[in-house]
PDB file of N, CA and C in Angstrom:
ATOM      1  N   MET A   1      -3.286  18.252  -7.184  1.00  0.00           N
ATOM      2  CA  MET A   1      -3.717  18.291  -5.747  1.00  0.00           C
ATOM      3  C   MET A   1      -2.172  19.271  -6.004  1.00  0.00           C
ATOM      4  N   GLY A   2      -2.153  19.934  -4.449  1.00  0.00           N
ATOM      5  CA  GLY A   2      -1.169  21.050  -4.257  1.00  0.00           C
ATOM      6  C   GLY A   2       0.129  20.660  -3.709  1.00  0.00           C
ATOM      7  N   MET A   3       0.987  21.342  -3.492  1.00  0.00           N
ATOM      8  CA  MET A   3       2.388  21.149  -2.692  1.00  0.00           C
ATOM      9  C   MET A   3       2.118  21.135  -0.777  1.00  0.00           C
ATOM     10  N   VAL A   4       2.328  20.374  -0.313  1.00  0.00           N
ATOM     11  CA  VAL A   4       2.721  20.377   1.175  1.00  0.00           C
ATOM     12  C   VAL A   4       3.372  20.960   1.684  1.00  0.00           C
ATOM     13  N   THR A   5       3.003  21.763   3.069  1.00  0.00           N
ATOM     14  CA  THR A   5       4.138  22.807   3.557  1.00  0.00           C
ATOM     15  C   THR A   5       4.751  21.885   5.168  1.00  0.00           C
ATOM     16  N   ALA A   6       5.682  22.276   5.571  1.00  0.00           N
ATOM     17  CA  ALA A   6       6.234  21.620   6.268  1.00  0.00           C
ATOM     18  C   ALA A   6       5.191  21.736   7.591  1.00  0.00           C
ATOM     19  N   ASP A   7       4.270  22.531   7.915  1.00  0.00           N
ATOM     20  CA  ASP A   7       3.476  22.243   8.979  1.00  0.00           C
ATOM     21  C   ASP A   7       1.759  21.938   8.660  1.00  0.00           C
ATOM     22  N   SER A   8       1.869  21.202   7.644  1.00  0.00           N
ATOM     23  CA  SER A   8       0.742  20.884   6.893  1.00  0.00           C
ATOM     24  C   SER A   8       0.813  19.004   7.023  1.00  0.00           C
ATOM     25  N   TYR A   9      -0.245  18.678   6.291  1.00  0.00           N
ATOM     26  CA  TYR A   9       0.171  17.039   5.859  1.00  0.00           C
ATOM     27  C   TYR A   9      -1.132  16.763   5.041  1.00  0.00           C
ATOM     28  N   ALA A  10      -0.698  15.666   4.691  1.00  0.00           N
ATOM     29  CA  ALA A  10      -1.573  15.864   3.159  1.00  0.00           C
ATOM     30  C   ALA A  10      -1.984  13.437   3.671  1.00  0.00           C
ATOM     31  N   THR A  11      -3.449  13.530   3.174  1.00  0.00           N
ATOM     32  CA  THR A  11      -3.146  12.093   2.960  1.00  0.00           C
ATOM     33  C   THR A  11      -3.223  11.358   1.685  1.00  0.00           C
ATOM     34  N   LEU A  12      -2.400  10.852   1.690  1.00  0.00           N
ATOM     35  CA  LEU A  12      -1.578   9.737   0.245  1.00  0.00           C
ATOM     36  C   LEU A  12      -2.550   8.981   0.091  1.00  0.00           C
ATOM     37  N   ALA A  13      -3.298   8.251   0.777  1.00  0.00           N
ATOM     38  CA  ALA A  13      -4.517   6.890   0.693  1.00  0.00           C
ATOM     39  C   ALA A  13      -5.366   7.107   1.992  1.00  0.00           C
ATOM     40  N   SER A  14      -6.474   7.059   2.041  1.00  0.00           N
ATOM     41  CA  SER A  14      -7.807   6.757   2.524  1.00  0.00           C
ATOM     42  C   SER A  14      -8.526   6.189   1.797  1.00  0.00           C
ATOM     43  N   PHE A  15      -9.673   5.222   2.507  1.00  0.00           N
ATOM     44  CA  PHE A  15     -10.733   4.232   2.545  1.00  0.00           C
ATOM     45  C   PHE A  15     -12.020   4.670   2.976  1.00  0.00           C
ATOM     46  N   ASP A  16     -12.328   5.534   3.604  1.00  0.00           N
ATOM     47  CA  ASP A  16     -13.037   5.979   3.955  1.00  0.00           C
ATOM     48  C   ASP A  16     -14.034   6.945   3.898  1.00  0.00           C
ATOM     49  N   LYS A  17     -13.794   7.286   2.840  1.00  0.00           N
ATOM     50  CA  LYS A  17     -14.965   7.990   1.702  1.00  0.00           C
ATOM     51  C   LYS A  17     -14.798   9.463   2.309  1.00  0.00           C
ATOM     52  N   THR A  18     -13.883   9.947   3.025  1.00  0.00           N
ATOM     53  CA  THR A  18     -14.096  11.376   4.057  1.00  0.00           C
ATOM     54  C   THR A  18     -13.073  12.201   2.952  1.00  0.00           C
ATOM     55  N   GLU A  19     -12.137  11.991   2.087  1.00  0.00           N
ATOM     56  CA  GLU A  19     -11.163  12.342   1.344  1.00  0.00           C
ATOM     57  C   GLU A  19     -11.317  12.006  -0.229  1.00  0.00           C
ATOM     58  N   LYS A  20     -11.027  13.032  -0.533  1.00  0.00           N
ATOM     59  CA  LYS A  20     -10.634  12.535  -2.289  1.00  0.00           C
ATOM     60  C   LYS A  20      -9.871  11.612  -2.613  1.00  0.00           C
ATOM     61  N   ALA A  21      -8.827  10.920  -1.592  1.00  0.00           N
ATOM     62  CA  ALA A  21      -7.771   9.592  -1.801  1.00  0.00           C
ATOM     63  C   ALA A  21      -8.765   8.516  -1.809  1.00  0.00           C
ATOM     64  N   ALA A  22     -10.201   8.512  -1.218  1.00  0.00           N
ATOM     65  CA  ALA A  22     -11.138   7.001  -1.305  1.00  0.00           C
ATOM     66  C   ALA A  22     -11.718   7.116  -2.501  1.00  0.00           C
ATOM     67  N   THR A  23     -11.527   8.278  -3.651  1.00  0.00           N
ATOM     68  CA  THR A  23     -12.173   7.811  -4.776  1.00  0.00           C
ATOM     69  C   THR A  23     -11.485   7.025  -5.775  1.00  0.00           C
ATOM     70  N   TRP A  24      -9.852   6.588  -5.122  1.00  0.00           N
ATOM     71  CA  TRP A  24      -9.147   6.131  -5.950  1.00  0.00           C
ATOM     72  C   TRP A  24      -9.108   4.517  -5.979  1.00  0.00           C
ATOM     73  N   SER A  25      -8.905   4.153  -7.583  1.00  0.00           N
ATOM     74  CA  SER A  25      -8.949   2.628  -7.473  1.00  0.00           C
ATOM     75  C   SER A  25      -7.858   2.272  -7.232  1.00  0.00           C
ATOM     76  N   TRP A  26      -7.686   0.985  -6.184  1.00  0.00           N
ATOM     77  CA  TRP A  26      -6.474   0.032  -6.079  1.00  0.00           C
ATOM     78  C   TRP A  26      -6.542  -1.212  -6.652  1.00  0.00           C
ATOM     79  N   THR A  27      -5.294  -1.579  -6.651  1.00  0.00           N
ATOM     80  CA  THR A  27      -5.575  -2.649  -7.508  1.00  0.00           C
ATOM     81  C   THR A  27      -4.350  -3.911  -6.760  1.00  0.00           C
ATOM     82  N   ALA A  28      -4.189  -5.329  -6.411  1.00  0.00           N
ATOM     83  CA  ALA A  28      -3.350  -6.158  -5.900  1.00  0.00           C
ATOM     84  C   ALA A  28      -2.432  -6.421  -7.239  1.00  0.00           C
ATOM     85  N   LEU A  29      -0.896  -6.384  -6.649  1.00  0.00           N
ATOM     86  CA  LEU A  29      -0.412  -6.523  -7.681  1.00  0.00           C
ATOM     87  C   LEU A  29       0.741  -8.088  -6.985  1.00  0.00           C
ATOM     88  N   ASN A  30       1.233  -9.013  -7.324  1.00  0.00           N
ATOM     89  CA  ASN A  30       1.646 -10.376  -6.857  1.00  0.00           C
ATOM     90  C   ASN A  30       2.932 -10.373  -7.760  1.00  0.00           C
ATOM     91  N   ASP A  31       3.912 -11.608  -7.403  1.00  0.00           N
ATOM     92  CA  ASP A  31       5.008 -11.987  -8.304  1.00  0.00           C
ATOM     93  C   ASP A  31       5.195 -13.099  -9.347  1.00  0.00           C
ATOM     94  N   PRO A  32       3.985 -13.191 -10.206  1.00  0.00           N
ATOM     95  CA  PRO A  32       4.264 -14.232 -10.959  1.00  0.00           C
ATOM     96  C   PRO A  32       5.536 -14.706 -11.799  1.00  0.00           C
ATOM     97  N   VAL A  33       5.974 -13.440 -12.217  1.00  0.00           N
ATOM     98  CA  VAL A  33       6.731 -13.317 -12.900  1.00  0.00           C
ATOM     99  C   VAL A  33       8.423 -14.153 -12.451  1.00  0.00           C
ATOM    100  N   MET A  34       9.212 -14.992 -13.135  1.00  0.00           N
ATOM    101  CA  MET A  34      10.137 -15.721 -12.795  1.00  0.00           C
ATOM    102  C   MET A  34       9.908 -16.487 -11.739  1.00  0.00           C
ATOM    103  N   GLY A  35       8.706 -16.839 -11.846  1.00  0.00           N
ATOM    104  CA  GLY A  35       8.421 -18.083 -11.041  1.00  0.00           C
ATOM    105  C   GLY A  35       7.561 -17.931  -9.788  1.00  0.00           C
ATOM    106  N   GLY A  36       7.211 -16.762  -9.401  1.00  0.00           N
ATOM    107  CA  GLY A  36       6.875 -16.275  -7.867  1.00  0.00           C
ATOM    108  C   GLY A  36       5.619 -16.829  -7.618  1.00  0.00           C
ATOM    109  N   LYS A  37       6.021 -17.468  -6.473  1.00  0.00           N
ATOM    110  CA  LYS A  37       4.554 -17.915  -5.747  1.00  0.00           C
ATOM    111  C   LYS A  37       3.757 -17.206  -4.578  1.00  0.00           C
ATOM    112  N   SER A  38       4.258 -15.755  -4.651  1.00  0.00           N
ATOM    113  CA  SER A  38       3.889 -15.266  -3.653  1.00  0.00           C
ATOM    114  C   SER A  38       2.215 -14.715  -3.961  1.00  0.00           C
ATOM    115  N   GLU A  39       0.928 -14.628  -2.991  1.00  0.00           N
ATOM    116  CA  GLU A  39      -0.360 -14.135  -3.466  1.00  0.00           C
ATOM    117  C   GLU A  39      -1.097 -12.966  -2.833  1.00  0.00           C
ATOM    118  N   GLY A  40      -1.895 -12.512  -3.203  1.00  0.00           N
ATOM    119  CA  GLY A  40      -2.432 -11.566  -1.864  1.00  0.00           C
ATOM    120  C   GLY A  40      -3.730 -10.950  -3.191  1.00  0.00           C
ATOM    121  N   GLY A  41      -4.306 -10.039  -1.980  1.00  0.00           N
ATOM    122  CA  GLY A  41      -5.562  -9.490  -2.549  1.00  0.00           C
ATOM    123  C   GLY A  41      -6.091  -8.420  -1.746  1.00  0.00           C
ATOM    124  N   PHE A  42      -6.524  -7.373  -2.171  1.00  0.00           N
ATOM    125  CA  PHE A  42      -7.009  -5.848  -1.584  1.00  0.00           C
ATOM    126  C   PHE A  42      -8.349  -5.578  -2.011  1.00  0.00           C
ATOM    127  N   LYS A  43      -9.038  -5.023  -1.240  1.00  0.00           N
ATOM    128  CA  LYS A  43     -10.259  -4.660  -1.315  1.00  0.00           C
ATOM    129  C   LYS A  43     -10.593  -4.219   0.002  1.00  0.00           C
ATOM    130  N   VAL A  44     -12.012  -3.056   0.060  1.00  0.00           N
ATOM    131  CA  VAL A  44     -12.212  -2.152   0.765  1.00  0.00           C
ATOM    132  C   VAL A  44     -13.453  -2.563   1.722  1.00  0.00           C
ATOM    133  N   VAL A  45     -13.155  -2.681   2.645  1.00  0.00           N
ATOM    134  CA  VAL A  45     -14.874  -2.809   3.225  1.00  0.00           C
ATOM    135  C   VAL A  45     -15.005  -1.969   4.567  1.00  0.00           C
ATOM    136  N   ASP A  46     -16.321  -1.501   4.607  1.00  0.00           N
ATOM    137  CA  ASP A  46     -16.649  -0.412   5.797  1.00  0.00           C
ATOM    138  C   ASP A  46     -15.628   0.480   5.828  1.00  0.00           C
ATOM    139  N   GLY A  47     -15.281   1.376   4.877  1.00  0.00           N
ATOM    140  CA  GLY A  47     -14.137   1.932   5.124  1.00  0.00           C
ATOM    141  C   GLY A  47     -12.754   1.646   5.228  1.00  0.00           C
ATOM    142  N   VAL A  48     -12.191   0.372   5.423  1.00  0.00           N
ATOM    143  CA  VAL A  48     -11.072   0.008   6.134  1.00  0.00           C
ATOM    144  C   VAL A  48     -10.615  -0.460   4.656  1.00  0.00           C
ATOM    145  N   GLY A  49      -9.281  -0.422   4.219  1.00  0.00           N
ATOM    146  CA  GLY A  49      -8.406  -1.451   2.932  1.00  0.00           C
ATOM    147  C   GLY A  49      -8.097  -2.677   3.814  1.00  0.00           C
ATOM    148  N   GLN A  50      -8.504  -3.610   3.025  1.00  0.00           N
ATOM    149  CA  GLN A  50      -7.875  -5.006   4.038  1.00  0.00           C
ATOM    150  C   GLN A  50      -6.903  -5.600   2.652  1.00  0.00           C
ATOM    151  N   TRP A  51      -5.495  -5.675   2.842  1.00  0.00           N
ATOM    152  CA  TRP A  51      -5.145  -6.158   2.350  1.00  0.00           C
ATOM    153  C   TRP A  51      -4.387  -7.191   2.565  1.00  0.00           C
ATOM    154  N   ARG A  52      -4.496  -8.529   2.224  1.00  0.00           N
ATOM    155  CA  ARG A  52      -4.262  -9.764   2.417  1.00  0.00           C
ATOM    156  C   ARG A  52      -3.458 -10.455   1.368  1.00  0.00           C
ATOM    157  N   GLY A  53      -2.621 -11.231   1.915  1.00  0.00           N
ATOM    158  CA  GLY A  53      -1.246 -12.457   0.950  1.00  0.00           C
ATOM    159  C   GLY A  53      -0.664 -12.915   1.778  1.00  0.00           C
ATOM    160  N   THR A  54       0.179 -13.995   1.213  1.00  0.00           N
ATOM    161  CA  THR A  54       1.429 -14.136   1.683  1.00  0.00           C
ATOM    162  C   THR A  54       2.687 -14.073   0.642  1.00  0.00           C
ATOM    163  N   VAL A  55       4.267 -13.740   1.070  1.00  0.00           N
ATOM    164  CA  VAL A  55       4.760 -13.975   0.531  1.00  0.00           C
ATOM    165  C   VAL A  55       5.516 -15.117   0.718  1.00  0.00           C
ATOM    166  N   ALA A  56       6.191 -15.506  -0.365  1.00  0.00           N
ATOM    167  CA  ALA A  56       6.652 -16.859  -0.566  1.00  0.00           C
ATOM    168  C   ALA A  56       8.193 -16.812  -1.313  1.00  0.00           C
ATOM    169  N   ILE A  57       8.753 -18.107  -1.227  1.00  0.00           N
ATOM    170  CA  ILE A  57      10.259 -17.616  -1.606  1.00  0.00           C
ATOM    171  C   ILE A  57      10.139 -17.787  -3.239  1.00  0.00           C
ATOM    172  N   VAL A  58      11.067 -17.743  -3.858  1.00  0.00           N
ATOM    173  CA  VAL A  58      10.873 -17.818  -5.475  1.00  0.00           C
ATOM    174  C   VAL A  58      11.943 -18.927  -5.481  1.00  0.00           C
ATOM    175  N   PRO A  59      11.301 -19.914  -6.290  1.00  0.00           N
ATOM    176  CA  PRO A  59      12.705 -21.435  -5.919  1.00  0.00           C
ATOM    177  C   PRO A  59      13.699 -20.793  -6.368  1.00  0.00           C
ATOM    178  N   SER A  60      13.572 -20.281  -8.047  1.00  0.00           N
ATOM    179  CA  SER A  60      14.324 -19.615  -8.855  1.00  0.00           C
ATOM    180  C   SER A  60      15.569 -19.135  -8.194  1.00  0.00           C
ATOM    181  N   LEU A  61      14.832 -18.097  -7.271  1.00  0.00           N
ATOM    182  CA  LEU A  61      16.064 -17.033  -7.061  1.00  0.00           C
ATOM    183  C   LEU A  61      16.491 -17.264  -5.410  1.00  0.00           C
ATOM    184  N   LYS A  62      15.957 -17.921  -4.595  1.00  0.00           N
ATOM    185  CA  LYS A  62      15.717 -18.394  -3.542  1.00  0.00           C
ATOM    186  C   LYS A  62      16.058 -17.355  -2.373  1.00  0.00           C
ATOM    187  N   ALA A  63      15.163 -16.955  -2.885  1.00  0.00           N
ATOM    188  CA  ALA A  63      14.642 -15.370  -1.994  1.00  0.00           C
ATOM    189  C   ALA A  63      12.900 -14.671  -2.144  1.00  0.00           C
ATOM    190  N   PRO A  64      12.753 -13.923  -1.445  1.00  0.00           N
ATOM    191  CA  PRO A  64      11.148 -13.808  -1.312  1.00  0.00           C
ATOM    192  C   PRO A  64      11.042 -13.140  -2.167  1.00  0.00           C
ATOM    193  N   GLY A  65       9.764 -13.555  -2.586  1.00  0.00           N
ATOM    194  CA  GLY A  65       8.804 -13.087  -3.581  1.00  0.00           C
ATOM    195  C   GLY A  65       8.280 -11.294  -3.096  1.00  0.00           C
ATOM    196  N   PHE A  66       7.536 -11.103  -3.764  1.00  0.00           N
ATOM    197  CA  PHE A  66       6.529  -9.854  -3.330  1.00  0.00           C
ATOM    198  C   PHE A  66       5.010  -9.819  -3.349  1.00  0.00           C
ATOM    199  N   ILE A  67       3.995  -8.935  -2.696  1.00  0.00           N
ATOM    200  CA  ILE A  67       2.929  -8.676  -2.913  1.00  0.00           C
ATOM    201  C   ILE A  67       2.574  -7.162  -2.738  1.00  0.00           C
ATOM    202  N   LYS A  68       2.209  -6.445  -3.568  1.00  0.00           N
ATOM    203  CA  LYS A  68       1.751  -5.102  -3.465  1.00  0.00           C
ATOM    204  C   LYS A  68       0.643  -4.257  -3.993  1.00  0.00           C
ATOM    205  N   ILE A  69      -0.120  -3.037  -3.271  1.00  0.00           N
ATOM    206  CA  ILE A  69      -0.921  -2.534  -4.049  1.00  0.00           C
ATOM    207  C   ILE A  69      -0.817  -1.101  -4.649  1.00  0.00           C
ATOM    208  N   GLN A  70      -1.388  -0.767  -5.264  1.00  0.00           N
ATOM    209  CA  GLN A  70      -1.154   0.183  -6.293  1.00  0.00           C
ATOM    210  C   GLN A  70      -2.516   0.942  -6.878  1.00  0.00           C
ATOM    211  N   SER A  71      -2.141   2.188  -7.148  1.00  0.00           N
ATOM    212  CA  SER A  71      -3.294   2.987  -7.469  1.00  0.00           C
ATOM    213  C   SER A  71      -3.464   3.401  -8.779  1.00  0.00           C
ATOM    214  N   GLU A  72      -3.763   3.528  -9.543  1.00  0.00           N
ATOM    215  CA  GLU A  72      -3.773   4.406 -10.879  1.00  0.00           C
ATOM    216  C   GLU A  72      -3.438   5.750 -11.426  1.00  0.00           C
ATOM    217  N   THR A  73      -4.035   6.534 -10.130  1.00  0.00           N
ATOM    218  CA  THR A  73      -3.867   8.055  -9.828  1.00  0.00           C
ATOM    219  C   THR A  73      -2.725   8.218 -10.602  1.00  0.00           C
ATOM    220  N   ASP A  74      -2.682   9.756 -10.851  1.00  0.00           N
ATOM    221  CA  ASP A  74      -1.262  10.400 -10.807  1.00  0.00           C
ATOM    222  C   ASP A  74      -1.441  11.607 -10.223  1.00  0.00           C
ATOM    223  N   ASP A  75      -2.424  11.953  -9.505  1.00  0.00           N
ATOM    224  CA  ASP A  75      -2.805  13.270  -8.169  1.00  0.00           C
ATOM    225  C   ASP A  75      -2.739  13.075  -6.825  1.00  0.00           C
ATOM    226  N   PHE A  76      -1.347  12.587  -6.612  1.00  0.00           N
ATOM    227  CA  PHE A  76      -1.156  12.748  -5.185  1.00  0.00           C
ATOM    228  C   PHE A  76      -0.154  13.813  -4.868  1.00  0.00           C
ATOM    229  N   ASP A  77      -0.698  14.370  -3.796  1.00  0.00           N
ATOM    230  CA  ASP A  77      -0.140  15.814  -3.559  1.00  0.00           C
ATOM    231  C   ASP A  77       1.739  15.370  -3.485  1.00  0.00           C
ATOM    232  N   ASP A  78       2.030  16.811  -3.643  1.00  0.00           N
ATOM    233  CA  ASP A  78       3.422  16.775  -3.554  1.00  0.00           C
ATOM    234  C   ASP A  78       4.110  17.269  -2.232  1.00  0.00           C
ATOM    235  N   ILE A  79       4.288  16.026  -1.513  1.00  0.00           N
ATOM    236  CA  ILE A  79       5.085  16.164  -0.414  1.00  0.00           C
ATOM    237  C   ILE A  79       6.669  15.849  -0.357  1.00  0.00           C
ATOM    238  N   SER A  80       7.254  16.642  -1.276  1.00  0.00           N
ATOM    239  CA  SER A  80       8.921  16.772  -1.010  1.00  0.00           C
ATOM    240  C   SER A  80       9.246  17.593  -0.152  1.00  0.00           C
ATOM    241  N   SER A  81       8.597  18.120   0.218  1.00  0.00           N
ATOM    242  CA  SER A  81       8.944  19.243   1.545  1.00  0.00           C
ATOM    243  C   SER A  81       8.647  18.634   2.632  1.00  0.00           C
ATOM    244  N   CYS A  82       8.421  17.711   2.903  1.00  0.00           N
ATOM    245  CA  CYS A  82       7.740  16.785   4.252  1.00  0.00           C
ATOM    246  C   CYS A  82       9.372  16.268   4.924  1.00  0.00           C
ATOM    247  N   SER A  83       9.380  16.222   6.064  1.00  0.00           N
ATOM    248  CA  SER A  83      10.237  15.173   6.501  1.00  0.00           C
ATOM    249  C   SER A  83       9.858  14.081   6.951  1.00  0.00           C
ATOM    250  N   GLY A  84       8.820  13.479   7.261  1.00  0.00           N
ATOM    251  CA  GLY A  84       8.211  11.957   7.255  1.00  0.00           C
ATOM    252  C   GLY A  84       7.251  11.634   6.845  1.00  0.00           C
ATOM    253  N   ILE A  85       6.886  10.411   6.794  1.00  0.00           N
ATOM    254  CA  ILE A  85       5.486   9.879   6.719  1.00  0.00           C
ATOM    255  C   ILE A  85       5.202   8.931   7.776  1.00  0.00           C
ATOM    256  N   ALA A  86       3.736   9.218   7.518  1.00  0.00           N
ATOM    257  CA  ALA A  86       3.012   8.351   8.807  1.00  0.00           C
ATOM    258  C   ALA A  86       1.786   7.203   8.356  1.00  0.00           C
ATOM    259  N   ILE A  87       1.962   6.434   8.371  1.00  0.00           N
ATOM    260  CA  ILE A  87       1.272   5.164   7.913  1.00  0.00           C
ATOM    261  C   ILE A  87       0.631   4.368   9.366  1.00  0.00           C
ATOM    262  N   THR A  88      -0.836   4.376   9.361  1.00  0.00           N
ATOM    263  CA  THR A  88      -1.603   3.665  10.328  1.00  0.00           C
ATOM    264  C   THR A  88      -2.342   2.580   9.357  1.00  0.00           C
ATOM    265  N   ALA A  89      -1.499   1.039  10.379  1.00  0.00           N
ATOM    266  CA  ALA A  89      -1.746  -0.203   9.846  1.00  0.00           C
ATOM    267  C   ALA A  89      -2.072  -0.847  10.804  1.00  0.00           C
ATOM    268  N   LYS A  90      -2.907  -1.696  10.866  1.00  0.00           N
ATOM    269  CA  LYS A  90      -2.760  -2.954  11.734  1.00  0.00           C
ATOM    270  C   LYS A  90      -3.060  -4.253  11.290  1.00  0.00           C
ATOM    271  N   THR A  91      -2.543  -5.121  12.017  1.00  0.00           N
ATOM    272  CA  THR A  91      -2.563  -6.351  11.385  1.00  0.00           C
ATOM    273  C   THR A  91      -3.083  -7.467  12.331  1.00  0.00           C
ATOM    274  N   GLY A  92      -3.369  -8.897  11.893  1.00  0.00           N
ATOM    275  CA  GLY A  92      -4.088  -9.681  12.778  1.00  0.00           C
ATOM    276  C   GLY A  92      -2.549 -10.743  13.025  1.00  0.00           C
ATOM    277  N   ALA A  93      -1.912 -10.666  12.715  1.00  0.00           N
ATOM    278  CA  ALA A  93      -0.946 -11.809  12.441  1.00  0.00           C
ATOM    279  C   ALA A  93       0.238 -10.996  13.575  1.00  0.00           C
ATOM    280  N   LYS A  94       0.925 -11.688  14.552  1.00  0.00           N
ATOM    281  CA  LYS A  94       2.138 -11.702  14.780  1.00  0.00           C
ATOM    282  C   LYS A  94       3.570 -11.381  14.019  1.00  0.00           C
ATOM    283  N   TYR A  95       4.042 -10.435  13.406  1.00  0.00           N
ATOM    284  CA  TYR A  95       5.315 -10.065  12.627  1.00  0.00           C
ATOM    285  C   TYR A  95       5.983  -9.001  13.451  1.00  0.00           C
ATOM    286  N   ASP A  96       7.391  -9.305  13.834  1.00  0.00           N
ATOM    287  CA  ASP A  96       8.196  -8.104  14.436  1.00  0.00           C
ATOM    288  C   ASP A  96       9.254  -7.901  13.256  1.00  0.00           C
ATOM    289  N   GLY A  97       8.835  -8.044  11.990  1.00  0.00           N
ATOM    290  CA  GLY A  97       9.914  -7.749  10.900  1.00  0.00           C
ATOM    291  C   GLY A  97       9.466  -6.643  10.210  1.00  0.00           C
ATOM    292  N   TYR A  98       8.918  -5.436  10.831  1.00  0.00           N
ATOM    293  CA  TYR A  98       8.294  -4.198   9.841  1.00  0.00           C
ATOM    294  C   TYR A  98       9.295  -3.303  10.230  1.00  0.00           C
ATOM    295  N   ARG A  99       9.699  -2.567   9.256  1.00  0.00           N
ATOM    296  CA  ARG A  99      10.540  -1.640   9.244  1.00  0.00           C
ATOM    297  C   ARG A  99      10.446  -0.251   8.084  1.00  0.00           C
TER     298      ARG A  99
END
């Protein structure tokens, strides 16, 4: 893909089949290393990426673990010239900690 200019935009991830980004495969990665208890999963349903899971405290660290999704692609646009990033997301749970 190419360089993104300041007056344009790039779609880094999409699941609705209208963009090249929708062809990439995605997998969930949880934190079983170091005794982590977090669990999550990811699937695409009707063009929407659904990422669900629970982040739990790692007993040995007494700190939160993690869940994430990742793609094996290296074909992302170069967004180094961009001044920001926008994420469109929806949750079914009340949570005030997004930042």
